[in-house]
């Protein structure tokens, strides 16, 4: 007996808990490391751009 993966995928329904977790994650404002680094570097970049334009 072999598994018909196409048929199994059509039957698949995620657990209700997964949907609730996904909704909460999408609703929350999460910052990742990239966002934090951008916020830290932004003032330095802005100052450097201003400084370069003055020269």
C-alpha atoms as a PDB file:
ATOM      1  CA  UNK A   1       0.000   0.000   0.000  1.00  0.00           C
ATOM      2  CA  UNK A   2       1.453   3.344  -1.007  1.00  0.00           C
ATOM      3  CA  UNK A   3       0.501   6.803   0.193  1.00  0.00           C
ATOM      4  CA  UNK A   4      -1.174   9.124  -2.275  1.00  0.00           C
ATOM      5  CA  UNK A   5       0.374  12.418  -1.185  1.00  0.00           C
ATOM      6  CA  UNK A   6      -1.875  14.574  -3.384  1.00  0.00           C
ATOM      7  CA  UNK A   7      -4.952  13.030  -1.779  1.00  0.00           C
ATOM      8  CA  UNK A   8      -3.530  13.413   1.726  1.00  0.00           C
ATOM      9  CA  UNK A   9      -2.713  17.092   1.124  1.00  0.00           C
ATOM     10  CA  UNK A  10      -6.309  17.725   0.035  1.00  0.00           C
ATOM     11  CA  UNK A  11      -7.543  16.163   3.301  1.00  0.00           C
ATOM     12  CA  UNK A  12      -5.145  18.174   5.464  1.00  0.00           C
ATOM     13  CA  UNK A  13      -6.650  20.668   7.895  1.00  0.00           C
ATOM     14  CA  UNK A  14      -4.385  22.480  10.355  1.00  0.00           C
ATOM     15  CA  UNK A  15      -5.161  22.207  14.049  1.00  0.00           C
ATOM     16  CA  UNK A  16      -7.373  25.071  15.330  1.00  0.00           C
ATOM     17  CA  UNK A  17      -4.659  26.023  17.818  1.00  0.00           C
ATOM     18  CA  UNK A  18      -2.288  26.739  14.944  1.00  0.00           C
ATOM     19  CA  UNK A  19      -4.758  29.196  13.403  1.00  0.00           C
ATOM     20  CA  UNK A  20      -5.122  31.023  16.741  1.00  0.00           C
ATOM     21  CA  UNK A  21      -1.359  31.256  17.198  1.00  0.00           C
ATOM     22  CA  UNK A  22      -0.929  32.508  13.639  1.00  0.00           C
ATOM     23  CA  UNK A  23      -3.547  35.228  14.211  1.00  0.00           C
ATOM     24  CA  UNK A  24      -1.824  36.389  17.415  1.00  0.00           C
ATOM     25  CA  UNK A  25       1.566  36.498  15.737  1.00  0.00           C
ATOM     26  CA  UNK A  26       0.234  38.509  12.806  1.00  0.00           C
ATOM     27  CA  UNK A  27      -1.574  40.941  15.139  1.00  0.00           C
ATOM     28  CA  UNK A  28       1.453  41.630  17.304  1.00  0.00           C
ATOM     29  CA  UNK A  29       4.164  44.104  16.380  1.00  0.00           C
ATOM     30  CA  UNK A  30       7.299  42.003  16.420  1.00  0.00           C
ATOM     31  CA  UNK A  31      10.717  43.478  15.845  1.00  0.00           C
ATOM     32  CA  UNK A  32      13.435  41.256  14.577  1.00  0.00           C
ATOM     33  CA  UNK A  33      17.162  41.820  14.775  1.00  0.00           C
ATOM     34  CA  UNK A  34      17.173  43.585  11.404  1.00  0.00           C
ATOM     35  CA  UNK A  35      14.576  46.126  12.587  1.00  0.00           C
ATOM     36  CA  UNK A  36      16.567  46.825  15.745  1.00  0.00           C
ATOM     37  CA  UNK A  37      19.829  47.276  13.833  1.00  0.00           C
ATOM     38  CA  UNK A  38      18.126  49.633  11.365  1.00  0.00           C
ATOM     39  CA  UNK A  39      16.817  51.765  14.240  1.00  0.00           C
ATOM     40  CA  UNK A  40      20.262  51.891  15.834  1.00  0.00           C
ATOM     41  CA  UNK A  41      22.048  52.744  12.574  1.00  0.00           C
ATOM     42  CA  UNK A  42      19.515  55.243  11.176  1.00  0.00           C
ATOM     43  CA  UNK A  43      20.675  58.296  13.146  1.00  0.00           C
ATOM     44  CA  UNK A  44      24.304  57.584  12.313  1.00  0.00           C
ATOM     45  CA  UNK A  45      23.487  57.150   8.630  1.00  0.00           C
ATOM     46  CA  UNK A  46      21.428  60.354   8.564  1.00  0.00           C
ATOM     47  CA  UNK A  47      24.238  62.322  10.227  1.00  0.00           C
ATOM     48  CA  UNK A  48      26.818  60.864   7.833  1.00  0.00           C
ATOM     49  CA  UNK A  49      24.684  61.757   4.829  1.00  0.00           C
ATOM     50  CA  UNK A  50      24.308  65.317   6.093  1.00  0.00           C
ATOM     51  CA  UNK A  51      28.014  65.561   6.786  1.00  0.00           C
ATOM     52  CA  UNK A  52      28.917  64.265   3.300  1.00  0.00           C
ATOM     53  CA  UNK A  53      26.556  66.727   1.641  1.00  0.00           C
ATOM     54  CA  UNK A  54      28.195  69.650   3.437  1.00  0.00           C
ATOM     55  CA  UNK A  55      31.684  68.842   2.138  1.00  0.00           C
END
